[in-house]
Amino acid sequence: MKAINSLQAPQQQWLLDLTKARNSGTKIIGYTPGGYMPEELIYACGAIPVALIRGGDPEPVAASAQYVPRFLDTFARAQIGYRM
């Protein structure tokens, strides 16, 4: 259990840091991995990049339908839907 906690602690702190940054006005930019997104450009704009990756459920694809074009690949639409 100690090993699990030692792995979860940094992730929880990262989420808290992102929340604090967003609340202080810093933009959080989500991008789908698989293409090429130079994170340096996001940092140069004063924002924080966050890779969006998850999969396996059809609901997120449907949830993203009103925000992204239909021709965008299903993987990318699912990643956006998971974050909604």
PDB file of N, CA and C in Angstrom:
ATOM      1  N   MET A   1       0.815  -1.189   0.000  1.00  0.00           N
ATOM      2  CA  MET A   1       0.000   0.000   0.000  1.00  0.00           C
ATOM      3  C   MET A   1       0.863   1.259   0.000  1.00  0.00           C
ATOM      4  N   LYS A   2       2.009   1.176   0.651  1.00  0.00           N
ATOM      5  CA  LYS A   2       2.901   2.325   0.700  1.00  0.00           C
ATOM      6  C   LYS A   2       3.380   2.689  -0.708  1.00  0.00           C
ATOM      7  N   ALA A   3       3.632   1.669  -1.533  1.00  0.00           N
ATOM      8  CA  ALA A   3       4.083   1.916  -2.907  1.00  0.00           C
ATOM      9  C   ALA A   3       2.998   2.608  -3.721  1.00  0.00           C
ATOM     10  N   ILE A   4       1.754   2.175  -3.559  1.00  0.00           N
ATOM     11  CA  ILE A   4       0.635   2.806  -4.276  1.00  0.00           C
ATOM     12  C   ILE A   4       0.515   4.270  -3.875  1.00  0.00           C
ATOM     13  N   ASN A   5       0.591   4.538  -2.589  1.00  0.00           N
ATOM     14  CA  ASN A   5       0.492   5.918  -2.109  1.00  0.00           C
ATOM     15  C   ASN A   5       1.621   6.779  -2.639  1.00  0.00           C
ATOM     16  N   SER A   6       2.819   6.199  -2.735  1.00  0.00           N
ATOM     17  CA  SER A   6       3.949   6.980  -3.242  1.00  0.00           C
ATOM     18  C   SER A   6       3.792   7.296  -4.727  1.00  0.00           C
ATOM     19  N   LEU A   7       3.035   6.479  -5.454  1.00  0.00           N
ATOM     20  CA  LEU A   7       2.760   6.759  -6.863  1.00  0.00           C
ATOM     21  C   LEU A   7       1.610   7.747  -7.029  1.00  0.00           C
ATOM     22  N   GLN A   8       0.627   7.686  -6.142  1.00  0.00           N
ATOM     23  CA  GLN A   8      -0.533   8.556  -6.255  1.00  0.00           C
ATOM     24  C   GLN A   8      -0.253   9.979  -5.790  1.00  0.00           C
ATOM     25  N   ALA A   9       0.625  10.145  -4.827  1.00  0.00           N
ATOM     26  CA  ALA A   9       0.883  11.470  -4.265  1.00  0.00           C
ATOM     27  C   ALA A   9       1.335  12.491  -5.310  1.00  0.00           C
ATOM     28  N   PRO A  10       2.311  12.177  -6.173  1.00  0.00           N
ATOM     29  CA  PRO A  10       2.713  13.176  -7.181  1.00  0.00           C
ATOM     30  C   PRO A  10       1.584  13.523  -8.155  1.00  0.00           C
ATOM     31  N   GLN A  11       0.773  12.536  -8.515  1.00  0.00           N
ATOM     32  CA  GLN A  11      -0.332  12.807  -9.433  1.00  0.00           C
ATOM     33  C   GLN A  11      -1.358  13.729  -8.782  1.00  0.00           C
ATOM     34  N   GLN A  12      -1.671  13.476  -7.529  1.00  0.00           N
ATOM     35  CA  GLN A  12      -2.623  14.334  -6.832  1.00  0.00           C
ATOM     36  C   GLN A  12      -2.074  15.747  -6.690  1.00  0.00           C
ATOM     37  N   GLN A  13      -0.781  15.868  -6.414  1.00  0.00           N
ATOM     38  CA  GLN A  13      -0.170  17.195  -6.301  1.00  0.00           C
ATOM     39  C   GLN A  13      -0.195  17.915  -7.641  1.00  0.00           C
ATOM     40  N   TRP A  14       0.042  17.175  -8.733  1.00  0.00           N
ATOM     41  CA  TRP A  14       0.010  17.758 -10.073  1.00  0.00           C
ATOM     42  C   TRP A  14      -1.375  18.319 -10.375  1.00  0.00           C
ATOM     43  N   LEU A  15      -2.423  17.567 -10.007  1.00  0.00           N
ATOM     44  CA  LEU A  15      -3.786  18.047 -10.226  1.00  0.00           C
ATOM     45  C   LEU A  15      -4.077  19.291  -9.394  1.00  0.00           C
ATOM     46  N   LEU A  16      -3.600  19.324  -8.167  1.00  0.00           N
ATOM     47  CA  LEU A  16      -3.773  20.519  -7.337  1.00  0.00           C
ATOM     48  C   LEU A  16      -3.039  21.713  -7.933  1.00  0.00           C
ATOM     49  N   ASP A  17      -1.827  21.478  -8.427  1.00  0.00           N
ATOM     50  CA  ASP A  17      -1.056  22.557  -9.050  1.00  0.00           C
ATOM     51  C   ASP A  17      -1.751  23.089 -10.298  1.00  0.00           C
ATOM     52  N   LEU A  18      -2.326  22.186 -11.106  1.00  0.00           N
ATOM     53  CA  LEU A  18      -3.066  22.622 -12.295  1.00  0.00           C
ATOM     54  C   LEU A  18      -4.288  23.448 -11.915  1.00  0.00           C
ATOM     55  N   THR A  19      -4.992  23.018 -10.891  1.00  0.00           N
ATOM     56  CA  THR A  19      -6.176  23.752 -10.435  1.00  0.00           C
ATOM     57  C   THR A  19      -5.795  25.140  -9.947  1.00  0.00           C
ATOM     58  N   LYS A  20      -4.719  25.232  -9.171  1.00  0.00           N
ATOM     59  CA  LYS A  20      -4.259  26.541  -8.692  1.00  0.00           C
ATOM     60  C   LYS A  20      -3.858  27.440  -9.849  1.00  0.00           C
ATOM     61  N   ALA A  21      -3.163  26.869 -10.826  1.00  0.00           N
ATOM     62  CA  ALA A  21      -2.739  27.655 -11.989  1.00  0.00           C
ATOM     63  C   ALA A  21      -3.946  28.163 -12.765  1.00  0.00           C
ATOM     64  N   ARG A  22      -4.920  27.307 -12.979  1.00  0.00           N
ATOM     65  CA  ARG A  22      -6.126  27.713 -13.710  1.00  0.00           C
ATOM     66  C   ARG A  22      -6.880  28.799 -12.946  1.00  0.00           C
ATOM     67  N   ASN A  23      -6.996  28.640 -11.633  1.00  0.00           N
ATOM     68  CA  ASN A  23      -7.701  29.634 -10.826  1.00  0.00           C
ATOM     69  C   ASN A  23      -6.982  30.973 -10.779  1.00  0.00           C
ATOM     70  N   SER A  24      -5.674  30.959 -10.988  1.00  0.00           N
ATOM     71  CA  SER A  24      -4.920  32.214 -10.996  1.00  0.00           C
ATOM     72  C   SER A  24      -4.858  32.844 -12.383  1.00  0.00           C
ATOM     73  N   GLY A  25      -5.518  32.215 -13.364  1.00  0.00           N
ATOM     74  CA  GLY A  25      -5.600  32.807 -14.697  1.00  0.00           C
ATOM     75  C   GLY A  25      -4.726  32.169 -15.757  1.00  0.00           C
ATOM     76  N   THR A  26      -3.930  31.192 -15.398  1.00  0.00           N
ATOM     77  CA  THR A  26      -3.094  30.511 -16.384  1.00  0.00           C
ATOM     78  C   THR A  26      -3.965  29.596 -17.235  1.00  0.00           C
ATOM     79  N   LYS A  27      -3.761  29.629 -18.532  1.00  0.00           N
ATOM     80  CA  LYS A  27      -4.512  28.773 -19.444  1.00  0.00           C
ATOM     81  C   LYS A  27      -3.945  27.356 -19.402  1.00  0.00           C
ATOM     82  N   ILE A  28      -4.830  26.378 -19.465  1.00  0.00           N
ATOM     83  CA  ILE A  28      -4.457  24.970 -19.554  1.00  0.00           C
ATOM     84  C   ILE A  28      -4.871  24.514 -20.951  1.00  0.00           C
ATOM     85  N   ILE A  29      -3.914  24.051 -21.746  1.00  0.00           N
ATOM     86  CA  ILE A  29      -4.177  23.639 -23.123  1.00  0.00           C
ATOM     87  C   ILE A  29      -4.098  22.120 -23.207  1.00  0.00           C
ATOM     88  N   GLY A  30      -5.199  21.489 -23.573  1.00  0.00           N
ATOM     89  CA  GLY A  30      -5.220  20.050 -23.770  1.00  0.00           C
ATOM     90  C   GLY A  30      -4.963  19.722 -25.230  1.00  0.00           C
ATOM     91  N   TYR A  31      -4.187  18.691 -25.476  1.00  0.00           N
ATOM     92  CA  TYR A  31      -3.926  18.262 -26.849  1.00  0.00           C
ATOM     93  C   TYR A  31      -3.950  16.744 -26.912  1.00  0.00           C
ATOM     94  N   THR A  32      -4.307  16.236 -28.080  1.00  0.00           N
ATOM     95  CA  THR A  32      -4.353  14.787 -28.256  1.00  0.00           C
ATOM     96  C   THR A  32      -3.003  14.294 -28.762  1.00  0.00           C
ATOM     97  N   PRO A  33      -2.426  13.311 -28.085  1.00  0.00           N
ATOM     98  CA  PRO A  33      -1.164  12.763 -28.546  1.00  0.00           C
ATOM     99  C   PRO A  33      -1.366  11.963 -29.827  1.00  0.00           C
ATOM    100  N   GLY A  34      -0.311  11.705 -30.514  1.00  0.00           N
ATOM    101  CA  GLY A  34      -0.401  10.949 -31.755  1.00  0.00           C
ATOM    102  C   GLY A  34       0.046  11.792 -32.932  1.00  0.00           C
ATOM    103  N   GLY A  35      -0.238  13.054 -32.872  1.00  0.00           N
ATOM    104  CA  GLY A  35       0.265  13.988 -33.866  1.00  0.00           C
ATOM    105  C   GLY A  35       1.486  14.648 -33.265  1.00  0.00           C
ATOM    106  N   TYR A  36       1.889  15.736 -33.841  1.00  0.00           N
ATOM    107  CA  TYR A  36       3.038  16.437 -33.284  1.00  0.00           C
ATOM    108  C   TYR A  36       2.566  17.755 -32.710  1.00  0.00           C
ATOM    109  N   MET A  37       2.645  17.892 -31.423  1.00  0.00           N
ATOM    110  CA  MET A  37       2.297  19.135 -30.752  1.00  0.00           C
ATOM    111  C   MET A  37       3.495  19.568 -29.937  1.00  0.00           C
ATOM    112  N   PRO A  38       4.223  20.561 -30.410  1.00  0.00           N
ATOM    113  CA  PRO A  38       5.390  21.007 -29.646  1.00  0.00           C
ATOM    114  C   PRO A  38       4.951  21.726 -28.365  1.00  0.00           C
ATOM    115  N   GLU A  39       5.169  21.093 -27.237  1.00  0.00           N
ATOM    116  CA  GLU A  39       4.775  21.674 -25.955  1.00  0.00           C
ATOM    117  C   GLU A  39       5.463  23.008 -25.703  1.00  0.00           C
ATOM    118  N   GLU A  40       6.616  23.201 -26.308  1.00  0.00           N
ATOM    119  CA  GLU A  40       7.342  24.451 -26.126  1.00  0.00           C
ATOM    120  C   GLU A  40       6.516  25.651 -26.572  1.00  0.00           C
ATOM    121  N   LEU A  41       5.720  25.469 -27.628  1.00  0.00           N
ATOM    122  CA  LEU A  41       4.864  26.559 -28.103  1.00  0.00           C
ATOM    123  C   LEU A  41       3.803  26.916 -27.070  1.00  0.00           C
ATOM    124  N   ILE A  42       3.266  25.913 -26.416  1.00  0.00           N
ATOM    125  CA  ILE A  42       2.259  26.169 -25.385  1.00  0.00           C
ATOM    126  C   ILE A  42       2.895  26.894 -24.208  1.00  0.00           C
ATOM    127  N   TYR A  43       4.073  26.423 -23.782  1.00  0.00           N
ATOM    128  CA  TYR A  43       4.774  27.102 -22.694  1.00  0.00           C
ATOM    129  C   TYR A  43       5.130  28.537 -23.086  1.00  0.00           C
ATOM    130  N   ALA A  44       5.532  28.741 -24.338  1.00  0.00           N
ATOM    131  CA  ALA A  44       5.898  30.080 -24.805  1.00  0.00           C
ATOM    132  C   ALA A  44       4.712  31.035 -24.762  1.00  0.00           C
ATOM    133  N   CYS A  45       3.511  30.498 -24.857  1.00  0.00           N
ATOM    134  CA  CYS A  45       2.292  31.320 -24.777  1.00  0.00           C
ATOM    135  C   CYS A  45       1.865  31.562 -23.333  1.00  0.00           C
ATOM    136  N   GLY A  46       2.622  31.036 -22.391  1.00  0.00           N
ATOM    137  CA  GLY A  46       2.288  31.219 -20.984  1.00  0.00           C
ATOM    138  C   GLY A  46       1.234  30.254 -20.477  1.00  0.00           C
ATOM    139  N   ALA A  47       1.027  29.165 -21.187  1.00  0.00           N
ATOM    140  CA  ALA A  47       0.026  28.173 -20.803  1.00  0.00           C
ATOM    141  C   ALA A  47       0.715  26.876 -20.377  1.00  0.00           C
ATOM    142  N   ILE A  48      -0.080  25.940 -19.890  1.00  0.00           N
ATOM    143  CA  ILE A  48       0.431  24.645 -19.454  1.00  0.00           C
ATOM    144  C   ILE A  48      -0.159  23.563 -20.354  1.00  0.00           C
ATOM    145  N   PRO A  49       0.685  22.741 -21.005  1.00  0.00           N
ATOM    146  CA  PRO A  49       0.167  21.668 -21.863  1.00  0.00           C
ATOM    147  C   PRO A  49      -0.231  20.434 -21.053  1.00  0.00           C
ATOM    148  N   VAL A  50      -1.333  19.816 -21.455  1.00  0.00           N
ATOM    149  CA  VAL A  50      -1.791  18.583 -20.818  1.00  0.00           C
ATOM    150  C   VAL A  50      -2.179  17.610 -21.924  1.00  0.00           C
ATOM    151  N   ALA A  51      -1.495  16.471 -21.992  1.00  0.00           N
ATOM    152  CA  ALA A  51      -1.829  15.447 -22.987  1.00  0.00           C
ATOM    153  C   ALA A  51      -3.096  14.729 -22.546  1.00  0.00           C
ATOM    154  N   LEU A  52      -4.023  14.591 -23.470  1.00  0.00           N
ATOM    155  CA  LEU A  52      -5.298  13.939 -23.187  1.00  0.00           C
ATOM    156  C   LEU A  52      -5.265  12.541 -23.783  1.00  0.00           C
ATOM    157  N   ILE A  53      -5.299  11.518 -22.948  1.00  0.00           N
ATOM    158  CA  ILE A  53      -5.308  10.154 -23.472  1.00  0.00           C
ATOM    159  C   ILE A  53      -6.068   9.234 -22.528  1.00  0.00           C
ATOM    160  N   ARG A  54      -6.982   8.496 -23.123  1.00  0.00           N
ATOM    161  CA  ARG A  54      -7.792   7.515 -22.424  1.00  0.00           C
ATOM    162  C   ARG A  54      -8.614   6.807 -23.487  1.00  0.00           C
ATOM    163  N   GLY A  55      -9.283   5.718 -23.191  1.00  0.00           N
ATOM    164  CA  GLY A  55     -10.076   5.069 -24.222  1.00  0.00           C
ATOM    165  C   GLY A  55     -10.898   3.900 -23.735  1.00  0.00           C
ATOM    166  N   GLY A  56     -11.759   3.394 -24.653  1.00  0.00           N
ATOM    167  CA  GLY A  56     -12.518   2.199 -24.378  1.00  0.00           C
ATOM    168  C   GLY A  56     -14.008   2.375 -24.220  1.00  0.00           C
ATOM    169  N   ASP A  57     -14.483   3.591 -24.045  1.00  0.00           N
ATOM    170  CA  ASP A  57     -15.910   3.807 -23.827  1.00  0.00           C
ATOM    171  C   ASP A  57     -16.518   4.611 -24.977  1.00  0.00           C
ATOM    172  N   PRO A  58     -17.743   4.275 -25.405  1.00  0.00           N
ATOM    173  CA  PRO A  58     -18.370   5.026 -26.496  1.00  0.00           C
ATOM    174  C   PRO A  58     -18.982   6.361 -26.059  1.00  0.00           C
ATOM    175  N   GLU A  59     -19.301   6.504 -24.782  1.00  0.00           N
ATOM    176  CA  GLU A  59     -19.968   7.719 -24.310  1.00  0.00           C
ATOM    177  C   GLU A  59     -19.161   8.998 -24.540  1.00  0.00           C
ATOM    178  N   PRO A  60     -17.851   9.002 -24.305  1.00  0.00           N
ATOM    179  CA  PRO A  60     -17.091  10.229 -24.532  1.00  0.00           C
ATOM    180  C   PRO A  60     -17.123  10.701 -25.984  1.00  0.00           C
ATOM    181  N   VAL A  61     -17.168   9.772 -26.919  1.00  0.00           N
ATOM    182  CA  VAL A  61     -17.234  10.152 -28.337  1.00  0.00           C
ATOM    183  C   VAL A  61     -18.526  10.920 -28.585  1.00  0.00           C
ATOM    184  N   ALA A  62     -19.623  10.416 -28.057  1.00  0.00           N
ATOM    185  CA  ALA A  62     -20.910  11.087 -28.221  1.00  0.00           C
ATOM    186  C   ALA A  62     -20.924  12.431 -27.501  1.00  0.00           C
ATOM    187  N   ALA A  63     -20.302  12.508 -26.327  1.00  0.00           N
ATOM    188  CA  ALA A  63     -20.293  13.752 -25.557  1.00  0.00           C
ATOM    189  C   ALA A  63     -19.530  14.864 -26.266  1.00  0.00           C
ATOM    190  N   SER A  64     -18.533  14.503 -27.052  1.00  0.00           N
ATOM    191  CA  SER A  64     -17.730  15.526 -27.731  1.00  0.00           C
ATOM    192  C   SER A  64     -18.348  15.988 -29.044  1.00  0.00           C
ATOM    193  N   ALA A  65     -19.429  15.345 -29.482  1.00  0.00           N
ATOM    194  CA  ALA A  65     -20.004  15.616 -30.807  1.00  0.00           C
ATOM    195  C   ALA A  65     -20.404  17.067 -31.011  1.00  0.00           C
ATOM    196  N   GLN A  66     -20.869  17.728 -29.976  1.00  0.00           N
ATOM    197  CA  GLN A  66     -21.305  19.109 -30.150  1.00  0.00           C
ATOM    198  C   GLN A  66     -20.148  20.113 -30.167  1.00  0.00           C
ATOM    199  N   TYR A  67     -18.937  19.661 -29.867  1.00  0.00           N
ATOM    200  CA  TYR A  67     -17.797  20.570 -29.778  1.00  0.00           C
ATOM    201  C   TYR A  67     -16.752  20.385 -30.869  1.00  0.00           C
ATOM    202  N   VAL A  68     -16.692  19.212 -31.468  1.00  0.00           N
ATOM    203  CA  VAL A  68     -15.653  18.942 -32.467  1.00  0.00           C
ATOM    204  C   VAL A  68     -16.286  18.440 -33.760  1.00  0.00           C
ATOM    205  N   PRO A  69     -15.622  18.658 -34.891  1.00  0.00           N
ATOM    206  CA  PRO A  69     -16.188  18.202 -36.162  1.00  0.00           C
ATOM    207  C   PRO A  69     -16.239  16.679 -36.250  1.00  0.00           C
ATOM    208  N   ARG A  70     -17.205  16.203 -36.987  1.00  0.00           N
ATOM    209  CA  ARG A  70     -17.428  14.760 -37.107  1.00  0.00           C
ATOM    210  C   ARG A  70     -16.274  14.047 -37.811  1.00  0.00           C
ATOM    211  N   PHE A  71     -15.570  14.750 -38.701  1.00  0.00           N
ATOM    212  CA  PHE A  71     -14.485  14.110 -39.442  1.00  0.00           C
ATOM    213  C   PHE A  71     -13.234  13.893 -38.601  1.00  0.00           C
ATOM    214  N   LEU A  72     -13.172  14.477 -37.404  1.00  0.00           N
ATOM    215  CA  LEU A  72     -12.039  14.243 -36.513  1.00  0.00           C
ATOM    216  C   LEU A  72     -12.065  12.773 -36.093  1.00  0.00           C
ATOM    217  N   ASP A  73     -10.908  12.147 -36.026  1.00  0.00           N
ATOM    218  CA  ASP A  73     -10.889  10.708 -35.746  1.00  0.00           C
ATOM    219  C   ASP A  73     -11.482  10.381 -34.371  1.00  0.00           C
ATOM    220  N   THR A  74     -11.987   9.173 -34.245  1.00  0.00           N
ATOM    221  CA  THR A  74     -12.708   8.742 -33.049  1.00  0.00           C
ATOM    222  C   THR A  74     -11.843   8.808 -31.801  1.00  0.00           C
ATOM    223  N   PHE A  75     -10.565   8.461 -31.931  1.00  0.00           N
ATOM    224  CA  PHE A  75      -9.666   8.515 -30.775  1.00  0.00           C
ATOM    225  C   PHE A  75      -9.593   9.936 -30.228  1.00  0.00           C
ATOM    226  N   ALA A  76      -9.386  10.905 -31.107  1.00  0.00           N
ATOM    227  CA  ALA A  76      -9.286  12.297 -30.674  1.00  0.00           C
ATOM    228  C   ALA A  76     -10.599  12.772 -30.061  1.00  0.00           C
ATOM    229  N   ARG A  77     -11.726  12.405 -30.672  1.00  0.00           N
ATOM    230  CA  ARG A  77     -13.023  12.811 -30.118  1.00  0.00           C
ATOM    231  C   ARG A  77     -13.242  12.200 -28.732  1.00  0.00           C
ATOM    232  N   ALA A  78     -12.818  10.945 -28.547  1.00  0.00           N
ATOM    233  CA  ALA A  78     -12.962  10.309 -27.234  1.00  0.00           C
ATOM    234  C   ALA A  78     -12.137  11.037 -26.184  1.00  0.00           C
ATOM    235  N   GLN A  79     -10.924  11.434 -26.532  1.00  0.00           N
ATOM    236  CA  GLN A  79     -10.075  12.123 -25.569  1.00  0.00           C
ATOM    237  C   GLN A  79     -10.708  13.432 -25.123  1.00  0.00           C
ATOM    238  N   ILE A  80     -11.300  14.150 -26.066  1.00  0.00           N
ATOM    239  CA  ILE A  80     -11.972  15.408 -25.741  1.00  0.00           C
ATOM    240  C   ILE A  80     -13.205  15.128 -24.889  1.00  0.00           C
ATOM    241  N   GLY A  81     -13.965  14.111 -25.247  1.00  0.00           N
ATOM    242  CA  GLY A  81     -15.161  13.757 -24.489  1.00  0.00           C
ATOM    243  C   GLY A  81     -14.872  13.345 -23.060  1.00  0.00           C
ATOM    244  N   TYR A  82     -13.756  12.671 -22.825  1.00  0.00           N
ATOM    245  CA  TYR A  82     -13.399  12.274 -21.463  1.00  0.00           C
ATOM    246  C   TYR A  82     -13.143  13.485 -20.580  1.00  0.00           C
ATOM    247  N   ARG A  83     -12.709  14.579 -21.155  1.00  0.00           N
ATOM    248  CA  ARG A  83     -12.361  15.760 -20.367  1.00  0.00           C
ATOM    249  C   ARG A  83     -13.537  16.704 -20.156  1.00  0.00           C
ATOM    250  N   MET A  84     -14.699  16.306 -20.595  1.00  0.00           N
ATOM    251  CA  MET A  84     -15.874  17.168 -20.464  1.00  0.00           C
ATOM    252  C   MET A  84     -16.669  16.829 -19.225  1.00  0.00           C
TER     253      MET A  84
END
